[in-house]
Amino acid sequence: MAMTDGDTTLDYWRADLDEVPEEVWRHPSLEVLLLCDNRLGRVPARIGTLTALHTLDLGHNHLDAVPPEIGDLTGLTRYLYLHDNRLTELPDTLGALTRLGYLNVGENRLTALPATLGALTALVELRAQDNRLAELPDTLGGLTALRELWLRGNRLTGLPDGVRDLGELRELELRNNALEVVPEVLRGLPRLRRLDLRGNRLTELPHWVAELPSLEKLDLRWNDVRPAVGLLDALAGRGCVVLL
């Protein structure tokens, strides 16, 4: 364990832990808590008392649940890592983290995201890759600051209508899902630059893709799609790289 930055950071990265050390609770003014790459099976409800935290890393552990008290950490403004655990659901109280900028819940066993997630209006990046998601909540449209959305390796057949409201979205990764058509809710997104659709079930590319004003890279590899020549020319003519 290393205490740094004037007693505001506790670093237990790869510390061979089975549980959260008692030392953690002796530092109520803690701002950064790193518990990643251990063997933690649970997080005590007391985690909610660390209200000064702006960064919490619980990634790469054995967690099968997150306590609802995590919603008490309203000081979380930077990062919350919950990736590479054994989570099957997330608490609705995550919606209380309205100042959070980055959330990683990838590489778990999630079949759904809570509808309350749409309250995270400061969120800039959401990673939910490599789960078991078949659909997303329509409240996702509430993430009006979102710039990156990572959904690779799920079971998605479409996207909710709320995605139309993601006016700040720059990067969308939908690789290795079950999409048969390019979701029309993406039509008109003004700042979308990179769209990764590799490894889906696409057979055609709609004409409106060429109308996405900021698109720089479109990845269609590992689909059985043959876009019309005119459409490819239109994309190339405005500087968009298309990978087939």
C-alpha atoms as a PDB file:
ATOM      1  CA  MET A   1       0.000   0.000   0.000  1.00  0.00           C
ATOM      2  CA  ALA A   2       1.214   3.497  -0.797  1.00  0.00           C
ATOM      3  CA  MET A   3      -0.169   6.705   0.648  1.00  0.00           C
ATOM      4  CA  THR A   4       0.579   9.657  -1.581  1.00  0.00           C
ATOM      5  CA  ASP A   5      -0.402  13.231  -2.403  1.00  0.00           C
ATOM      6  CA  GLY A   6      -0.667  14.504   1.135  1.00  0.00           C
ATOM      7  CA  ASP A   7      -2.666  11.577   2.475  1.00  0.00           C
ATOM      8  CA  THR A   8      -5.392  11.883  -0.185  1.00  0.00           C
ATOM      9  CA  THR A   9      -4.542   8.764  -2.255  1.00  0.00           C
ATOM     10  CA  LEU A  10      -4.457   5.121  -1.209  1.00  0.00           C
ATOM     11  CA  ASP A  11      -2.971   2.736  -3.780  1.00  0.00           C
ATOM     12  CA  TYR A  12      -3.575  -1.003  -3.261  1.00  0.00           C
ATOM     13  CA  TRP A  13      -2.969  -2.026  -6.881  1.00  0.00           C
ATOM     14  CA  ARG A  14      -2.013  -5.715  -7.024  1.00  0.00           C
ATOM     15  CA  ALA A  15      -1.727  -5.909  -3.248  1.00  0.00           C
ATOM     16  CA  ASP A  16      -3.007  -9.504  -3.066  1.00  0.00           C
ATOM     17  CA  LEU A  17      -6.142  -8.474  -1.162  1.00  0.00           C
ATOM     18  CA  ASP A  18      -9.236 -10.560  -0.423  1.00  0.00           C
ATOM     19  CA  GLU A  19     -11.066  -7.735   1.339  1.00  0.00           C
ATOM     20  CA  VAL A  20     -10.927  -3.964   1.686  1.00  0.00           C
ATOM     21  CA  PRO A  21      -8.285  -3.115   4.331  1.00  0.00           C
ATOM     22  CA  GLU A  22      -9.364  -1.456   7.572  1.00  0.00           C
ATOM     23  CA  GLU A  23      -6.795   1.254   6.890  1.00  0.00           C
ATOM     24  CA  VAL A  24      -9.128   2.680   4.239  1.00  0.00           C
ATOM     25  CA  TRP A  25     -11.762   3.729   6.791  1.00  0.00           C
ATOM     26  CA  ARG A  26      -9.183   5.726   8.773  1.00  0.00           C
ATOM     27  CA  HIS A  27      -8.979   8.282   5.967  1.00  0.00           C
ATOM     28  CA  PRO A  28     -12.401   9.960   5.586  1.00  0.00           C
ATOM     29  CA  SER A  29     -10.855  12.711   3.447  1.00  0.00           C
ATOM     30  CA  LEU A  30      -9.545  10.249   0.876  1.00  0.00           C
ATOM     31  CA  GLU A  31      -9.827  11.512  -2.705  1.00  0.00           C
ATOM     32  CA  VAL A  32      -8.400   8.588  -4.698  1.00  0.00           C
ATOM     33  CA  LEU A  33      -8.824   4.908  -3.774  1.00  0.00           C
ATOM     34  CA  LEU A  34      -7.210   2.276  -5.991  1.00  0.00           C
ATOM     35  CA  LEU A  35      -8.198  -1.321  -5.185  1.00  0.00           C
ATOM     36  CA  CYS A  36      -7.714  -2.762  -8.671  1.00  0.00           C
ATOM     37  CA  ASP A  37      -6.192  -6.119  -9.609  1.00  0.00           C
ATOM     38  CA  ASN A  38      -6.934  -7.954  -6.394  1.00  0.00           C
ATOM     39  CA  ARG A  39      -9.351 -10.712  -5.362  1.00  0.00           C
ATOM     40  CA  LEU A  40     -12.054  -8.636  -3.681  1.00  0.00           C
ATOM     41  CA  GLY A  41     -15.345 -10.492  -3.464  1.00  0.00           C
ATOM     42  CA  ARG A  42     -17.352  -7.675  -1.889  1.00  0.00           C
ATOM     43  CA  VAL A  43     -17.242  -3.993  -1.092  1.00  0.00           C
ATOM     44  CA  PRO A  44     -18.605  -2.989   2.340  1.00  0.00           C
ATOM     45  CA  ALA A  45     -21.503  -0.563   2.597  1.00  0.00           C
ATOM     46  CA  ARG A  46     -19.069   1.723   4.425  1.00  0.00           C
ATOM     47  CA  ILE A  47     -17.723   2.722   1.024  1.00  0.00           C
ATOM     48  CA  GLY A  48     -20.510   5.296   1.012  1.00  0.00           C
ATOM     49  CA  THR A  49     -18.835   7.198   3.856  1.00  0.00           C
ATOM     50  CA  LEU A  50     -15.859   8.202   1.688  1.00  0.00           C
ATOM     51  CA  THR A  51     -17.666  11.203   0.292  1.00  0.00           C
ATOM     52  CA  ALA A  52     -14.472  13.088  -0.626  1.00  0.00           C
ATOM     53  CA  LEU A  53     -13.517  10.516  -3.275  1.00  0.00           C
ATOM     54  CA  HIS A  54     -13.240  11.794  -6.827  1.00  0.00           C
ATOM     55  CA  THR A  55     -11.735   8.548  -8.182  1.00  0.00           C
ATOM     56  CA  LEU A  56     -12.535   4.935  -7.251  1.00  0.00           C
ATOM     57  CA  ASP A  57     -10.974   1.943  -8.992  1.00  0.00           C
ATOM     58  CA  LEU A  58     -12.490  -1.482  -8.239  1.00  0.00           C
ATOM     59  CA  GLY A  59     -11.569  -3.027 -11.581  1.00  0.00           C
ATOM     60  CA  HIS A  60     -10.116  -6.503 -12.081  1.00  0.00           C
ATOM     61  CA  ASN A  61     -11.555  -8.125  -8.960  1.00  0.00           C
ATOM     62  CA  HIS A  62     -14.147 -10.824  -8.145  1.00  0.00           C
ATOM     63  CA  LEU A  63     -17.099  -8.603  -7.255  1.00  0.00           C
ATOM     64  CA  ASP A  64     -20.564 -10.022  -7.943  1.00  0.00           C
ATOM     65  CA  ALA A  65     -22.381  -6.971  -6.561  1.00  0.00           C
ATOM     66  CA  VAL A  66     -21.911  -3.265  -5.926  1.00  0.00           C
ATOM     67  CA  PRO A  67     -23.489  -1.911  -2.725  1.00  0.00           C
ATOM     68  CA  PRO A  68     -26.223   0.709  -3.216  1.00  0.00           C
ATOM     69  CA  GLU A  69     -24.248   2.997  -0.920  1.00  0.00           C
ATOM     70  CA  ILE A  70     -21.978   3.744  -3.862  1.00  0.00           C
ATOM     71  CA  GLY A  71     -24.613   6.299  -4.764  1.00  0.00           C
ATOM     72  CA  ASP A  72     -23.589   8.280  -1.676  1.00  0.00           C
ATOM     73  CA  LEU A  73     -20.257   9.102  -3.331  1.00  0.00           C
ATOM     74  CA  THR A  74     -21.538  12.285  -4.900  1.00  0.00           C
ATOM     75  CA  GLY A  75     -18.002  13.700  -4.880  1.00  0.00           C
ATOM     76  CA  LEU A  76     -17.007  11.282  -7.657  1.00  0.00           C
ATOM     77  CA  THR A  77     -16.201  13.659 -10.486  1.00  0.00           C
ATOM     78  CA  ARG A  78     -13.447  11.850 -12.361  1.00  0.00           C
ATOM     79  CA  TYR A  79     -13.342   8.051 -12.619  1.00  0.00           C
ATOM     80  CA  LEU A  80     -15.315   5.018 -11.474  1.00  0.00           C
ATOM     81  CA  TYR A  81     -13.890   1.682 -12.597  1.00  0.00           C
ATOM     82  CA  LEU A  82     -15.987  -1.459 -12.089  1.00  0.00           C
ATOM     83  CA  HIS A  83     -14.728  -3.434 -15.091  1.00  0.00           C
ATOM     84  CA  ASP A  84     -13.567  -7.048 -15.209  1.00  0.00           C
ATOM     85  CA  ASN A  85     -15.604  -8.337 -12.293  1.00  0.00           C
ATOM     86  CA  ARG A  86     -18.564 -10.731 -12.041  1.00  0.00           C
ATOM     87  CA  LEU A  87     -21.375  -8.199 -11.875  1.00  0.00           C
ATOM     88  CA  THR A  88     -24.810  -9.221 -13.140  1.00  0.00           C
ATOM     89  CA  GLU A  89     -26.514  -5.927 -12.299  1.00  0.00           C
ATOM     90  CA  LEU A  90     -25.757  -2.393 -11.191  1.00  0.00           C
ATOM     91  CA  PRO A  91     -27.561  -0.516  -8.402  1.00  0.00           C
ATOM     92  CA  ASP A  92     -30.088   2.153  -9.349  1.00  0.00           C
ATOM     93  CA  THR A  93     -28.254   4.487  -6.983  1.00  0.00           C
ATOM     94  CA  LEU A  94     -25.552   4.986  -9.619  1.00  0.00           C
ATOM     95  CA  GLY A  95     -27.896   7.642 -10.952  1.00  0.00           C
ATOM     96  CA  ALA A  96     -26.954   9.858  -8.012  1.00  0.00           C
ATOM     97  CA  LEU A  97     -23.412  10.297  -9.364  1.00  0.00           C
ATOM     98  CA  THR A  98     -24.419  13.259 -11.482  1.00  0.00           C
ATOM     99  CA  ARG A  99     -20.925  14.807 -11.579  1.00  0.00           C
ATOM    100  CA  LEU A 100     -19.077  11.677 -12.703  1.00  0.00           C
ATOM    101  CA  GLY A 101     -17.003  12.051 -15.868  1.00  0.00           C
ATOM    102  CA  TYR A 102     -15.944   8.454 -16.678  1.00  0.00           C
ATOM    103  CA  LEU A 103     -17.620   5.102 -15.974  1.00  0.00           C
ATOM    104  CA  ASN A 104     -16.256   1.696 -16.945  1.00  0.00           C
ATOM    105  CA  VAL A 105     -18.543  -1.312 -16.306  1.00  0.00           C
ATOM    106  CA  GLY A 106     -17.125  -3.447 -19.107  1.00  0.00           C
ATOM    107  CA  GLU A 107     -16.181  -7.121 -18.964  1.00  0.00           C
ATOM    108  CA  ASN A 108     -18.863  -8.199 -16.544  1.00  0.00           C
ATOM    109  CA  ARG A 109     -22.055 -10.272 -16.875  1.00  0.00           C
ATOM    110  CA  LEU A 110     -24.546  -7.433 -17.134  1.00  0.00           C
ATOM    111  CA  THR A 111     -27.803  -8.090 -18.966  1.00  0.00           C
ATOM    112  CA  ALA A 112     -29.114  -4.547 -18.467  1.00  0.00           C
ATOM    113  CA  LEU A 113     -28.035  -1.066 -17.465  1.00  0.00           C
ATOM    114  CA  PRO A 114     -30.146   0.811 -14.905  1.00  0.00           C
ATOM    115  CA  ALA A 115     -32.495   3.444 -16.290  1.00  0.00           C
ATOM    116  CA  THR A 116     -31.132   5.861 -13.699  1.00  0.00           C
ATOM    117  CA  LEU A 117     -27.885   5.973 -15.664  1.00  0.00           C
ATOM    118  CA  GLY A 118     -29.468   8.681 -17.767  1.00  0.00           C
ATOM    119  CA  ALA A 119     -29.074  11.098 -14.863  1.00  0.00           C
ATOM    120  CA  LEU A 120     -25.289  11.178 -15.269  1.00  0.00           C
ATOM    121  CA  THR A 121     -25.340  14.420 -17.206  1.00  0.00           C
ATOM    122  CA  ALA A 122     -21.604  15.111 -16.727  1.00  0.00           C
ATOM    123  CA  LEU A 123     -20.509  11.729 -18.103  1.00  0.00           C
ATOM    124  CA  VAL A 124     -18.045  12.063 -20.991  1.00  0.00           C
ATOM    125  CA  GLU A 125     -17.126   8.398 -21.496  1.00  0.00           C
ATOM    126  CA  LEU A 126     -19.144   5.235 -20.856  1.00  0.00           C
ATOM    127  CA  ARG A 127     -17.627   1.795 -21.338  1.00  0.00           C
ATOM    128  CA  ALA A 128     -19.971  -1.197 -21.169  1.00  0.00           C
ATOM    129  CA  GLN A 129     -18.114  -3.535 -23.503  1.00  0.00           C
ATOM    130  CA  ASP A 130     -18.072  -7.336 -23.272  1.00  0.00           C
ATOM    131  CA  ASN A 131     -21.249  -7.879 -21.288  1.00  0.00           C
ATOM    132  CA  ARG A 132     -24.555  -9.584 -22.146  1.00  0.00           C
ATOM    133  CA  LEU A 133     -26.597  -6.520 -23.031  1.00  0.00           C
ATOM    134  CA  ALA A 134     -29.451  -7.138 -25.478  1.00  0.00           C
ATOM    135  CA  GLU A 135     -30.865  -3.630 -25.155  1.00  0.00           C
ATOM    136  CA  LEU A 136     -30.119  -0.270 -23.585  1.00  0.00           C
ATOM    137  CA  PRO A 137     -32.391   2.053 -21.582  1.00  0.00           C
ATOM    138  CA  ASP A 138     -33.970   4.892 -23.536  1.00  0.00           C
ATOM    139  CA  THR A 139     -32.830   7.217 -20.760  1.00  0.00           C
ATOM    140  CA  LEU A 140     -29.356   6.977 -22.281  1.00  0.00           C
ATOM    141  CA  GLY A 141     -30.341  10.119 -24.163  1.00  0.00           C
ATOM    142  CA  GLY A 142     -29.911  12.024 -20.911  1.00  0.00           C
ATOM    143  CA  LEU A 143     -26.129  11.696 -21.195  1.00  0.00           C
ATOM    144  CA  THR A 144     -25.886  14.992 -23.013  1.00  0.00           C
ATOM    145  CA  ALA A 145     -22.135  15.445 -22.371  1.00  0.00           C
ATOM    146  CA  LEU A 146     -21.203  11.948 -23.602  1.00  0.00           C
ATOM    147  CA  ARG A 147     -18.393  11.835 -26.168  1.00  0.00           C
ATOM    148  CA  GLU A 148     -17.436   8.140 -26.207  1.00  0.00           C
ATOM    149  CA  LEU A 149     -19.691   5.081 -25.934  1.00  0.00           C
ATOM    150  CA  TRP A 150     -18.106   1.626 -25.970  1.00  0.00           C
ATOM    151  CA  LEU A 151     -20.523  -1.277 -26.460  1.00  0.00           C
ATOM    152  CA  ARG A 152     -18.369  -3.911 -28.144  1.00  0.00           C
ATOM    153  CA  GLY A 153     -19.115  -7.572 -27.502  1.00  0.00           C
ATOM    154  CA  ASN A 154     -22.749  -7.490 -26.424  1.00  0.00           C
ATOM    155  CA  ARG A 155     -26.013  -8.809 -27.934  1.00  0.00           C
ATOM    156  CA  LEU A 156     -27.495  -5.573 -29.204  1.00  0.00           C
ATOM    157  CA  THR A 157     -29.921  -5.690 -32.133  1.00  0.00           C
ATOM    158  CA  GLY A 158     -30.627  -1.971 -32.043  1.00  0.00           C
ATOM    159  CA  LEU A 159     -30.265   1.266 -30.097  1.00  0.00           C
ATOM    160  CA  PRO A 160     -32.923   3.205 -28.161  1.00  0.00           C
ATOM    161  CA  ASP A 161     -34.480   6.377 -29.534  1.00  0.00           C
ATOM    162  CA  GLY A 162     -32.781   8.383 -26.810  1.00  0.00           C
ATOM    163  CA  VAL A 163     -29.442   8.026 -28.618  1.00  0.00           C
ATOM    164  CA  ARG A 164     -30.693  10.755 -30.984  1.00  0.00           C
ATOM    165  CA  ASP A 165     -30.077  13.229 -28.176  1.00  0.00           C
ATOM    166  CA  LEU A 166     -26.363  12.452 -27.791  1.00  0.00           C
ATOM    167  CA  GLY A 167     -25.303  15.591 -29.585  1.00  0.00           C
ATOM    168  CA  GLU A 168     -21.737  15.532 -28.196  1.00  0.00           C
ATOM    169  CA  LEU A 169     -21.020  11.900 -29.158  1.00  0.00           C
ATOM    170  CA  ARG A 170     -17.728  11.558 -31.068  1.00  0.00           C
ATOM    171  CA  GLU A 171     -16.950   7.843 -30.923  1.00  0.00           C
ATOM    172  CA  LEU A 172     -19.333   4.871 -30.943  1.00  0.00           C
ATOM    173  CA  GLU A 173     -18.062   1.316 -30.794  1.00  0.00           C
ATOM    174  CA  LEU A 174     -20.653  -1.343 -31.674  1.00  0.00           C
ATOM    175  CA  ARG A 175     -18.273  -4.076 -32.766  1.00  0.00           C
ATOM    176  CA  ASN A 176     -19.350  -7.706 -32.305  1.00  0.00           C
ATOM    177  CA  ASN A 177     -23.053  -7.285 -31.648  1.00  0.00           C
ATOM    178  CA  ALA A 178     -26.135  -8.594 -33.490  1.00  0.00           C
ATOM    179  CA  LEU A 179     -27.087  -5.581 -35.595  1.00  0.00           C
ATOM    180  CA  GLU A 180     -28.785  -6.374 -38.909  1.00  0.00           C
ATOM    181  CA  VAL A 181     -29.178  -2.718 -39.898  1.00  0.00           C
ATOM    182  CA  VAL A 182     -27.314   0.459 -39.031  1.00  0.00           C
ATOM    183  CA  PRO A 183     -29.476   2.050 -36.298  1.00  0.00           C
ATOM    184  CA  GLU A 184     -31.303   5.037 -37.768  1.00  0.00           C
ATOM    185  CA  VAL A 185     -31.154   6.819 -34.430  1.00  0.00           C
ATOM    186  CA  LEU A 186     -27.572   7.688 -35.384  1.00  0.00           C
ATOM    187  CA  ARG A 187     -28.831   9.748 -38.303  1.00  0.00           C
ATOM    188  CA  GLY A 188     -27.966  13.391 -37.891  1.00  0.00           C
ATOM    189  CA  LEU A 189     -25.626  13.076 -34.902  1.00  0.00           C
ATOM    190  CA  PRO A 190     -23.635  16.256 -35.505  1.00  0.00           C
ATOM    191  CA  ARG A 191     -20.271  15.342 -33.971  1.00  0.00           C
ATOM    192  CA  LEU A 192     -19.960  11.596 -34.561  1.00  0.00           C
ATOM    193  CA  ARG A 193     -16.463  11.014 -35.950  1.00  0.00           C
ATOM    194  CA  ARG A 194     -15.802   7.301 -35.591  1.00  0.00           C
ATOM    195  CA  LEU A 195     -18.349   4.526 -35.990  1.00  0.00           C
ATOM    196  CA  ASP A 196     -17.179   0.931 -35.463  1.00  0.00           C
ATOM    197  CA  LEU A 197     -19.660  -1.665 -36.762  1.00  0.00           C
ATOM    198  CA  ARG A 198     -17.288  -4.585 -37.238  1.00  0.00           C
ATOM    199  CA  GLY A 199     -18.537  -8.114 -36.736  1.00  0.00           C
ATOM    200  CA  ASN A 200     -22.294  -7.574 -36.940  1.00  0.00           C
ATOM    201  CA  ARG A 201     -24.889  -8.928 -39.399  1.00  0.00           C
ATOM    202  CA  LEU A 202     -25.151  -5.954 -41.727  1.00  0.00           C
ATOM    203  CA  THR A 203     -25.997  -6.469 -45.382  1.00  0.00           C
ATOM    204  CA  GLU A 204     -26.474  -2.874 -46.510  1.00  0.00           C
ATOM    205  CA  LEU A 205     -25.416   0.658 -45.700  1.00  0.00           C
ATOM    206  CA  PRO A 206     -28.125   3.349 -45.643  1.00  0.00           C
ATOM    207  CA  HIS A 207     -27.636   6.477 -47.725  1.00  0.00           C
ATOM    208  CA  TRP A 208     -27.919   8.791 -44.739  1.00  0.00           C
ATOM    209  CA  VAL A 209     -24.550   7.627 -43.374  1.00  0.00           C
ATOM    210  CA  ALA A 210     -22.906   9.905 -45.962  1.00  0.00           C
ATOM    211  CA  GLU A 211     -24.836  12.797 -44.422  1.00  0.00           C
ATOM    212  CA  LEU A 212     -23.226  12.470 -40.981  1.00  0.00           C
ATOM    213  CA  PRO A 213     -21.407  15.812 -41.002  1.00  0.00           C
ATOM    214  CA  SER A 214     -18.365  14.931 -38.883  1.00  0.00           C
ATOM    215  CA  LEU A 215     -17.792  11.254 -39.769  1.00  0.00           C
ATOM    216  CA  GLU A 216     -14.070  10.514 -40.298  1.00  0.00           C
ATOM    217  CA  LYS A 217     -13.896   6.719 -39.994  1.00  0.00           C
ATOM    218  CA  LEU A 218     -16.464   4.007 -40.662  1.00  0.00           C
ATOM    219  CA  ASP A 219     -15.421   0.411 -39.964  1.00  0.00           C
ATOM    220  CA  LEU A 220     -17.632  -2.235 -41.602  1.00  0.00           C
ATOM    221  CA  ARG A 221     -15.262  -5.185 -41.613  1.00  0.00           C
ATOM    222  CA  TRP A 222     -16.544  -8.687 -40.915  1.00  0.00           C
ATOM    223  CA  ASN A 223     -20.039  -7.937 -42.212  1.00  0.00           C
ATOM    224  CA  ASP A 224     -21.612  -9.136 -45.442  1.00  0.00           C
ATOM    225  CA  VAL A 225     -22.234  -5.601 -46.604  1.00  0.00           C
ATOM    226  CA  ARG A 226     -21.688  -4.213 -50.099  1.00  0.00           C
ATOM    227  CA  PRO A 227     -22.315  -0.475 -50.082  1.00  0.00           C
ATOM    228  CA  ALA A 228     -23.379   1.245 -53.286  1.00  0.00           C
ATOM    229  CA  VAL A 229     -20.417   2.696 -55.202  1.00  0.00           C
ATOM    230  CA  GLY A 230     -21.924   6.162 -55.147  1.00  0.00           C
ATOM    231  CA  LEU A 231     -22.231   6.039 -51.378  1.00  0.00           C
ATOM    232  CA  LEU A 232     -18.585   5.053 -50.944  1.00  0.00           C
ATOM    233  CA  ASP A 233     -17.550   7.830 -53.312  1.00  0.00           C
ATOM    234  CA  ALA A 234     -19.576  10.340 -51.321  1.00  0.00           C
ATOM    235  CA  LEU A 235     -17.894   9.283 -48.088  1.00  0.00           C
ATOM    236  CA  ALA A 236     -14.415   9.274 -49.614  1.00  0.00           C
ATOM    237  CA  GLY A 237     -15.025  12.640 -51.215  1.00  0.00           C
ATOM    238  CA  ARG A 238     -15.520  14.282 -47.872  1.00  0.00           C
ATOM    239  CA  GLY A 239     -12.484  12.568 -46.315  1.00  0.00           C
ATOM    240  CA  CYS A 240     -14.129   9.681 -44.465  1.00  0.00           C
ATOM    241  CA  VAL A 241     -12.101   6.462 -44.301  1.00  0.00           C
ATOM    242  CA  VAL A 242     -14.256   3.365 -44.881  1.00  0.00           C
ATOM    243  CA  LEU A 243     -12.928  -0.068 -43.970  1.00  0.00           C
ATOM    244  CA  LEU A 244     -14.624  -3.061 -45.615  1.00  0.00           C
END
